[in-house]
Amino acid sequence: MKKIILCTGGTGGHIFPMIALYEELKKNHNVKIVTDQRALKYLDLKQDLTIIPAESPYRKKGMFHFIKSIFIIGLSVIKSFFILISYRPNVVVGSGGYVSYPILVVAKLLKIKFFIYETNSVLGRVNQIFLPHCHKLLTGYERIHSVPEKFKDKMNYVGQLVRSQFMRLSEDGKMFGKTVQKGDSLNILILGGSQGAKIFGDKLPEKFLSLSKKKVNLTINQQVQEDQLASVGKYYEKNIIASNINDKEILLTFMLFTFSNQIEQFVKKADLVICRSGSSTLSELASANKPFIAVPLKNSLDNHQYQNAKYYADQDCCWLVEENDEMSFKIEKIIENVFKTRSFLNNKVENLIKLKKGNPIQNFINQITN
């Protein structure tokens, strides 16, 4: 039995792959997760969880923020030193985010073997810093941008780490063509990542209502931000009522939510998902064989969301729509075409099934424990 520390940033995209890894490692090893305060909304751990402060110097501009973030990282380095000295891990795994930085610094100083995991298709800033010093770079994508040629021999493609509840949805996805028939309501799920996407709430309801008036039968489950919940709900209700008064049958039902730890239940029901392009979101949808329309966050660090989406688009597993003035119009046309010709979805499902990489979690565990 090995002692293993998993350190990761506290956003959903960072923490979800480590939850998947933790669940499997815990069966045979002594494992702890080190992360920051943001992760508490996703985790239900007590004895195996340690929280340390973290702050990215790049999150805000200005000298005050930069100095503050360096001070916080310095405090975290001191705390990390005591964590590693007391726990004495055999292996440390860092999966990005600035909370990984202090743990990996101390692991290097104490000469503890550490691995880094890159879940995006672009090597993150923290992983770039530690690439020269890590034992191996384990990747979720076959091709990773920003890896210098001299370090390519450290790369090992293991695949995307996905939570068990999404792995279990895979078999349902294989039956997709038999369960969705032409004329059925098209069930659409809109996800904005762990924080929600404001632009989806602002732009898409109008297009869904427009489609319903064209006899496109839609069932909408939409994630919105907390401050959008009332306004988006009232917009749907007002226009549905107005259409009924004018004797225009409107084929649309909707449900809004802000955040759910049981998001897999929404994914299971969905025929098509509209989402941002965080690696965790895309890999979980791909694992569940759910076709998606990916809208990359246009100001994502190093444009990694675009590269994530492009990987799946190049394999004909999704539609890639960039965030611009034509975004909502393009999404409307895709949905209309899919409703008329369901084979578009079935083709995407078949390609998602072909894309799978064995058992990524077991691939990962073999790398860090052998």
Protein backbone atom coordinates (compact mmCIF):
# COMPACT_ATOMS: atom_id res chain seq x y z
CA MET A 1 0.00 0.00 0.00
CA LYS A 2 1.41 3.36 -1.08
CA LYS A 3 0.82 6.80 0.42
CA ILE A 4 -0.30 9.15 -2.33
CA ILE A 5 -1.14 12.87 -2.35
CA LEU A 6 -3.32 14.29 -5.11
CA CYS A 7 -3.04 18.08 -5.36
CA THR A 8 -5.31 20.07 -7.60
CA GLY A 9 -7.08 23.39 -8.12
CA GLY A 10 -10.56 23.83 -6.70
CA THR A 11 -12.61 24.34 -9.88
CA GLY A 12 -14.76 21.55 -11.28
CA GLY A 13 -12.44 21.04 -14.24
CA HIS A 14 -9.51 20.34 -11.93
CA ILE A 15 -11.21 18.54 -9.07
CA PHE A 16 -13.49 16.11 -10.94
CA PRO A 17 -10.66 14.05 -12.52
CA MET A 18 -8.96 13.80 -9.11
CA ILE A 19 -12.22 12.62 -7.52
CA ALA A 20 -12.35 9.83 -10.11
CA LEU A 21 -8.74 8.87 -9.38
CA TYR A 22 -9.20 9.10 -5.60
CA GLU A 23 -12.24 6.77 -5.65
CA GLU A 24 -10.24 4.03 -7.37
CA LEU A 25 -6.92 4.52 -5.57
CA LYS A 26 -8.63 4.44 -2.19
CA LYS A 27 -9.44 0.74 -2.67
CA ASN A 28 -5.77 -0.27 -2.34
CA HIS A 29 -3.79 2.76 -1.18
CA ASN A 30 -3.68 5.52 1.44
CA VAL A 31 -4.71 8.68 -0.42
CA LYS A 32 -5.18 12.35 0.46
CA ILE A 33 -6.45 15.25 -1.65
CA VAL A 34 -4.95 18.71 -1.19
CA THR A 35 -6.94 21.53 -2.77
CA ASP A 36 -8.40 24.96 -2.03
CA GLN A 37 -11.64 26.26 -0.51
CA ARG A 38 -13.56 26.29 -3.81
CA ALA A 39 -13.54 22.49 -4.00
CA LEU A 40 -15.72 22.04 -0.92
CA LYS A 41 -18.90 22.38 -2.99
CA TYR A 42 -17.90 19.27 -4.97
CA LEU A 43 -16.44 17.09 -2.20
CA ASP A 44 -17.90 15.07 0.62
CA LEU A 45 -14.60 14.08 2.24
CA LYS A 46 -13.35 14.71 5.76
CA GLN A 47 -10.36 12.69 6.87
CA ASP A 48 -8.73 12.53 3.41
CA LEU A 49 -9.02 16.23 2.53
CA THR A 50 -6.64 19.11 3.29
CA ILE A 51 -7.42 22.71 2.33
CA ILE A 52 -4.65 25.22 1.65
CA PRO A 53 -4.97 28.82 0.35
CA ALA A 54 -4.13 29.50 -3.29
CA GLU A 55 -4.26 32.50 -5.61
CA SER A 56 -3.28 32.84 -9.25
CA PRO A 57 -1.07 35.87 -10.06
CA TYR A 58 -2.80 35.97 -13.48
CA ARG A 59 -6.43 36.10 -12.26
CA LYS A 60 -6.42 39.90 -11.90
CA LYS A 61 -4.22 42.71 -13.16
CA GLY A 62 -2.32 45.08 -10.92
CA MET A 63 0.71 45.07 -8.65
CA PHE A 64 -1.36 44.79 -5.44
CA HIS A 65 -2.99 41.54 -6.58
CA PHE A 66 0.35 40.16 -7.76
CA ILE A 67 2.03 40.83 -4.40
CA LYS A 68 -0.96 39.43 -2.52
CA SER A 69 -0.98 36.22 -4.59
CA ILE A 70 2.76 35.69 -4.09
CA PHE A 71 2.31 36.13 -0.33
CA ILE A 72 -0.52 33.57 -0.28
CA ILE A 73 1.53 31.09 -2.31
CA GLY A 74 4.42 31.59 0.14
CA LEU A 75 2.17 30.74 3.08
CA SER A 76 0.93 27.66 1.21
CA VAL A 77 4.50 26.51 0.59
CA ILE A 78 5.14 26.59 4.35
CA LYS A 79 1.92 24.68 5.05
CA SER A 80 2.75 22.19 2.28
CA PHE A 81 6.13 21.52 3.87
CA PHE A 82 4.45 20.40 7.10
CA ILE A 83 1.87 18.35 5.16
CA LEU A 84 4.52 16.37 3.30
CA ILE A 85 6.83 15.97 6.28
CA SER A 86 4.04 14.59 8.47
CA TYR A 87 2.35 12.41 5.84
CA ARG A 88 5.54 11.22 4.06
CA PRO A 89 3.93 10.24 0.72
CA ASN A 90 5.57 7.82 -1.72
CA VAL A 91 4.10 9.67 -4.69
CA VAL A 92 2.60 13.12 -5.35
CA VAL A 93 0.29 13.84 -8.30
CA GLY A 94 -0.33 17.42 -9.43
CA SER A 95 -3.16 18.16 -11.85
CA GLY A 96 -2.80 21.90 -12.34
CA GLY A 97 -4.20 25.00 -10.68
CA TYR A 98 -2.11 27.21 -8.42
CA VAL A 99 -2.86 25.11 -5.35
CA SER A 100 -0.63 22.45 -6.93
CA TYR A 101 2.34 24.81 -7.03
CA PRO A 102 3.33 24.84 -3.32
CA ILE A 103 2.91 21.07 -2.93
CA LEU A 104 5.05 20.34 -5.99
CA VAL A 105 7.72 22.85 -4.91
CA VAL A 106 8.08 21.06 -1.58
CA ALA A 107 7.95 17.61 -3.24
CA LYS A 108 10.89 18.66 -5.41
CA LEU A 109 12.85 20.02 -2.42
CA LEU A 110 12.22 16.83 -0.43
CA LYS A 111 13.02 14.67 -3.49
CA ILE A 112 9.62 12.96 -3.46
CA LYS A 113 8.70 11.43 -6.81
CA PHE A 114 5.90 13.40 -8.46
CA PHE A 115 3.80 13.14 -11.60
CA ILE A 116 1.84 15.89 -13.32
CA TYR A 117 -1.43 15.33 -15.13
CA GLU A 118 -2.64 17.60 -17.92
CA THR A 119 -6.33 17.23 -18.58
CA ASN A 120 -6.45 20.01 -21.22
CA SER A 121 -5.01 19.89 -24.73
CA VAL A 122 -2.72 22.83 -23.86
CA LEU A 123 -0.11 22.44 -21.11
CA GLY A 124 -1.12 24.66 -18.18
CA ARG A 125 1.12 27.29 -16.56
CA VAL A 126 1.87 25.32 -13.38
CA ASN A 127 2.52 22.13 -15.34
CA GLN A 128 4.89 24.06 -17.63
CA ILE A 129 6.91 25.09 -14.57
CA PHE A 130 7.24 21.55 -13.22
CA LEU A 131 7.60 19.61 -16.48
CA PRO A 132 11.43 19.62 -16.32
CA HIS A 133 11.36 18.18 -12.77
CA CYS A 134 8.49 15.66 -12.84
CA HIS A 135 8.92 11.92 -13.20
CA LYS A 136 6.30 11.76 -15.97
CA LEU A 137 3.70 13.96 -17.66
CA LEU A 138 0.43 12.01 -17.93
CA THR A 139 -2.07 13.40 -20.44
CA GLY A 140 -5.77 13.24 -21.18
CA TYR A 141 -5.26 14.06 -24.86
CA GLU A 142 -2.99 12.38 -27.37
CA ARG A 143 -1.68 15.74 -28.58
CA ILE A 144 -0.66 18.41 -26.07
CA HIS A 145 0.34 21.91 -27.18
CA SER A 146 3.22 23.80 -25.54
CA VAL A 147 5.34 20.75 -24.67
CA PRO A 148 8.99 21.37 -25.70
CA GLU A 149 10.48 18.67 -27.91
CA LYS A 150 13.18 17.81 -25.34
CA PHE A 151 10.49 16.75 -22.82
CA LYS A 152 8.32 14.71 -25.21
CA ASP A 153 9.82 11.48 -23.85
CA LYS A 154 8.20 12.25 -20.47
CA MET A 155 4.70 12.25 -21.99
CA ASN A 156 2.39 9.28 -21.48
CA TYR A 157 -1.13 9.38 -22.89
CA VAL A 158 -3.47 7.72 -20.38
CA GLY A 159 -6.82 9.27 -21.37
CA GLN A 160 -9.35 11.41 -19.53
CA LEU A 161 -10.15 10.59 -15.90
CA VAL A 162 -13.92 10.50 -15.57
CA ARG A 163 -16.11 10.09 -12.49
CA SER A 164 -17.71 6.66 -12.11
CA GLN A 165 -21.28 7.92 -12.52
CA PHE A 166 -20.46 9.09 -16.06
CA MET A 167 -18.72 5.84 -16.93
CA ARG A 168 -21.95 4.03 -16.07
CA LEU A 169 -23.88 6.14 -18.60
CA SER A 170 -21.79 4.78 -21.46
CA GLU A 171 -23.98 1.76 -22.15
CA ASP A 172 -27.09 3.93 -22.41
CA GLY A 173 -25.33 6.00 -25.06
CA LYS A 174 -24.74 2.93 -27.23
CA MET A 175 -28.53 2.45 -27.44
CA PHE A 176 -29.06 6.06 -28.52
CA GLY A 177 -30.35 5.31 -32.03
CA LYS A 178 -32.99 2.91 -30.68
CA THR A 179 -34.36 5.16 -27.95
CA VAL A 180 -34.77 8.45 -29.85
CA GLN A 181 -37.12 8.43 -32.80
CA LYS A 182 -37.98 11.04 -35.38
CA GLY A 183 -40.77 13.27 -34.10
CA ASP A 184 -39.93 12.77 -30.43
CA SER A 185 -39.17 15.80 -28.32
CA LEU A 186 -35.48 16.73 -28.57
CA ASN A 187 -34.08 16.88 -25.04
CA ILE A 188 -31.42 19.60 -24.82
CA LEU A 189 -29.16 20.20 -21.82
CA ILE A 190 -27.32 23.53 -21.51
CA LEU A 191 -24.25 23.52 -19.26
CA GLY A 192 -22.03 26.46 -18.44
CA GLY A 193 -19.34 24.70 -16.41
CA SER A 194 -19.23 24.79 -12.62
CA GLN A 195 -19.95 28.56 -12.61
CA GLY A 196 -22.64 28.62 -15.32
CA ALA A 197 -22.39 30.56 -18.60
CA LYS A 198 -24.18 33.90 -18.56
CA ILE A 199 -24.19 34.20 -22.34
CA PHE A 200 -26.23 31.00 -22.75
CA GLY A 201 -28.93 32.41 -20.48
CA ASP A 202 -28.90 35.73 -22.33
CA LYS A 203 -28.86 34.48 -25.93
CA LEU A 204 -30.36 30.99 -26.24
CA PRO A 205 -33.93 31.21 -24.82
CA GLU A 206 -34.96 33.44 -27.73
CA LYS A 207 -33.70 30.83 -30.21
CA PHE A 208 -35.41 27.95 -28.42
CA LEU A 209 -38.72 29.81 -28.59
CA SER A 210 -38.14 30.56 -32.27
CA LEU A 211 -37.50 26.86 -32.96
CA SER A 212 -40.63 25.79 -31.10
CA LYS A 213 -42.72 28.06 -33.32
CA LYS A 214 -41.27 26.16 -36.30
CA LYS A 215 -42.72 22.95 -34.80
CA VAL A 216 -39.37 21.83 -33.41
CA ASN A 217 -40.43 20.01 -30.23
CA LEU A 218 -37.94 20.81 -27.45
CA THR A 219 -37.42 19.85 -23.82
CA ILE A 220 -34.92 22.28 -22.27
CA ASN A 221 -32.89 21.72 -19.08
CA GLN A 222 -30.75 24.83 -18.70
CA GLN A 223 -28.05 25.79 -16.22
CA VAL A 224 -28.07 29.51 -15.50
CA GLN A 225 -26.33 31.79 -13.06
CA GLU A 226 -28.04 32.54 -9.76
CA ASP A 227 -28.96 36.10 -10.75
CA GLN A 228 -30.47 34.88 -14.06
CA LEU A 229 -32.82 32.33 -12.56
CA ALA A 230 -35.84 34.63 -12.17
CA SER A 231 -35.36 36.67 -15.36
CA VAL A 232 -34.82 33.71 -17.70
CA GLY A 233 -37.72 31.81 -16.13
CA LYS A 234 -40.05 34.80 -16.56
CA TYR A 235 -38.92 35.22 -20.19
CA TYR A 236 -39.84 31.63 -21.04
CA GLU A 237 -43.18 31.78 -19.20
CA LYS A 238 -44.21 35.13 -20.68
CA ASN A 239 -43.55 34.04 -24.26
CA ILE A 240 -45.10 30.60 -23.88
CA ILE A 241 -48.29 32.17 -22.46
CA ALA A 242 -48.34 34.84 -25.19
CA SER A 243 -48.04 32.20 -27.91
CA ASN A 244 -50.88 30.15 -26.45
CA ILE A 245 -53.13 33.24 -26.29
CA ASN A 246 -52.48 33.84 -30.00
CA ASP A 247 -53.47 30.22 -30.78
CA LYS A 248 -49.93 29.36 -31.80
CA GLU A 249 -49.05 26.00 -30.33
CA ILE A 250 -45.61 26.21 -28.76
CA LEU A 251 -43.73 22.93 -28.43
CA LEU A 252 -41.39 23.73 -25.56
CA THR A 253 -41.01 22.70 -21.94
CA PHE A 254 -38.19 23.98 -19.74
CA MET A 255 -36.48 23.61 -16.39
CA LEU A 256 -33.77 25.90 -15.00
CA PHE A 257 -31.11 25.11 -12.40
CA THR A 258 -27.97 26.80 -11.09
CA PHE A 259 -25.71 23.94 -9.98
CA SER A 260 -26.24 20.25 -9.32
CA ASN A 261 -24.00 17.55 -7.86
CA GLN A 262 -26.22 15.05 -9.69
CA ILE A 263 -25.58 16.51 -13.12
CA GLU A 264 -25.28 12.98 -14.54
CA GLN A 265 -29.07 12.63 -14.22
CA PHE A 266 -29.54 15.57 -16.61
CA VAL A 267 -26.88 14.15 -18.93
CA LYS A 268 -28.59 10.75 -18.98
CA LYS A 269 -31.84 12.28 -20.28
CA ALA A 270 -30.19 14.58 -22.84
CA ASP A 271 -30.10 13.94 -26.58
CA LEU A 272 -27.83 16.93 -27.21
CA VAL A 273 -25.75 19.10 -24.87
CA ILE A 274 -24.69 22.73 -25.34
CA CYS A 275 -21.66 23.52 -23.20
CA ARG A 276 -18.40 25.33 -22.61
CA SER A 277 -15.21 23.42 -23.44
CA GLY A 278 -13.55 22.70 -20.14
CA SER A 279 -11.78 19.36 -20.39
CA SER A 280 -13.76 17.79 -17.55
CA THR A 281 -17.11 18.70 -19.13
CA LEU A 282 -16.14 17.40 -22.55
CA SER A 283 -14.54 14.19 -21.29
CA GLU A 284 -17.57 13.32 -19.14
CA LEU A 285 -19.95 13.91 -22.04
CA ALA A 286 -17.70 11.90 -24.34
CA SER A 287 -17.58 9.06 -21.82
CA ALA A 288 -21.39 9.04 -21.70
CA ASN A 289 -21.54 9.07 -25.54
CA LYS A 290 -23.50 12.32 -25.56
CA PRO A 291 -23.12 14.54 -28.65
CA PHE A 292 -22.50 18.19 -27.82
CA ILE A 293 -22.23 21.68 -29.25
CA ALA A 294 -19.03 23.12 -27.77
CA VAL A 295 -18.76 26.90 -27.31
CA PRO A 296 -15.22 27.65 -26.07
CA LEU A 297 -14.73 30.47 -23.59
CA LYS A 298 -12.98 32.96 -25.85
CA ASN A 299 -10.69 34.40 -23.16
CA SER A 300 -9.64 31.06 -21.63
CA LEU A 301 -5.98 30.92 -20.61
CA ASP A 302 -3.79 30.04 -23.63
CA ASN A 303 -7.01 29.46 -25.59
CA HIS A 304 -7.14 25.94 -24.14
CA GLN A 305 -10.94 25.63 -24.38
CA TYR A 306 -10.83 26.10 -28.14
CA GLN A 307 -8.12 23.45 -28.48
CA ASN A 308 -10.13 21.05 -26.27
CA ALA A 309 -13.20 21.44 -28.48
CA LYS A 310 -11.21 21.25 -31.70
CA TYR A 311 -9.87 17.83 -30.71
CA TYR A 312 -13.40 16.40 -30.59
CA ALA A 313 -14.56 18.36 -33.64
CA ASP A 314 -11.64 16.97 -35.68
CA GLN A 315 -12.88 13.47 -34.81
CA ASP A 316 -16.44 14.46 -35.88
CA CYS A 317 -17.71 13.92 -32.34
CA CYS A 318 -19.22 17.37 -31.79
CA TRP A 319 -20.08 20.73 -33.29
CA LEU A 320 -17.67 23.58 -32.53
CA VAL A 321 -19.29 27.03 -32.43
CA GLU A 322 -17.20 30.05 -31.51
CA GLU A 323 -18.53 32.79 -29.22
CA ASN A 324 -19.36 35.70 -31.53
CA ASP A 325 -22.37 37.55 -32.98
CA GLU A 326 -23.41 34.48 -35.02
CA MET A 327 -23.18 32.00 -32.14
CA SER A 328 -26.89 31.75 -31.29
CA PHE A 329 -27.93 31.64 -34.97
CA LYS A 330 -25.53 28.74 -35.66
CA ILE A 331 -26.75 26.83 -32.62
CA GLU A 332 -30.35 27.32 -33.78
CA LYS A 333 -29.56 25.88 -37.23
CA ILE A 334 -27.75 22.86 -35.76
CA ILE A 335 -30.71 22.05 -33.49
CA GLU A 336 -33.19 22.44 -36.35
CA ASN A 337 -31.17 20.11 -38.58
CA VAL A 338 -30.75 17.54 -35.81
CA PHE A 339 -34.48 17.54 -35.08
CA LYS A 340 -35.24 16.88 -38.75
CA THR A 341 -32.47 14.31 -39.25
CA ARG A 342 -31.57 12.34 -36.13
CA SER A 343 -28.80 10.45 -37.95
CA PHE A 344 -26.59 13.51 -37.30
CA LEU A 345 -26.67 12.58 -33.61
CA ASN A 346 -26.19 8.87 -34.21
CA ASN A 347 -23.06 9.52 -36.28
CA LYS A 348 -21.58 11.58 -33.44
CA VAL A 349 -22.36 8.80 -30.95
CA GLU A 350 -20.61 6.20 -33.11
CA ASN A 351 -17.52 8.40 -33.34
CA LEU A 352 -17.48 9.02 -29.58
CA ILE A 353 -17.53 5.27 -28.96
CA LYS A 354 -14.57 4.80 -31.33
CA LEU A 355 -12.61 7.49 -29.48
CA LYS A 356 -12.40 5.70 -26.14
CA LYS A 357 -8.98 4.88 -24.67
CA GLY A 358 -9.37 1.61 -22.73
CA ASN A 359 -9.61 2.31 -19.00
CA PRO A 360 -7.95 5.71 -18.34
CA ILE A 361 -8.09 5.42 -14.54
CA GLN A 362 -6.35 2.04 -14.57
CA ASN A 363 -3.84 3.36 -17.12
CA PHE A 364 -3.10 6.22 -14.74
CA ILE A 365 -2.80 4.02 -11.64
CA ASN A 366 -0.41 1.66 -13.44
CA GLN A 367 1.86 4.63 -14.22
CA ILE A 368 2.05 6.03 -10.68
CA THR A 369 2.17 2.78 -8.68
CA ASN A 370 4.54 0.60 -10.73
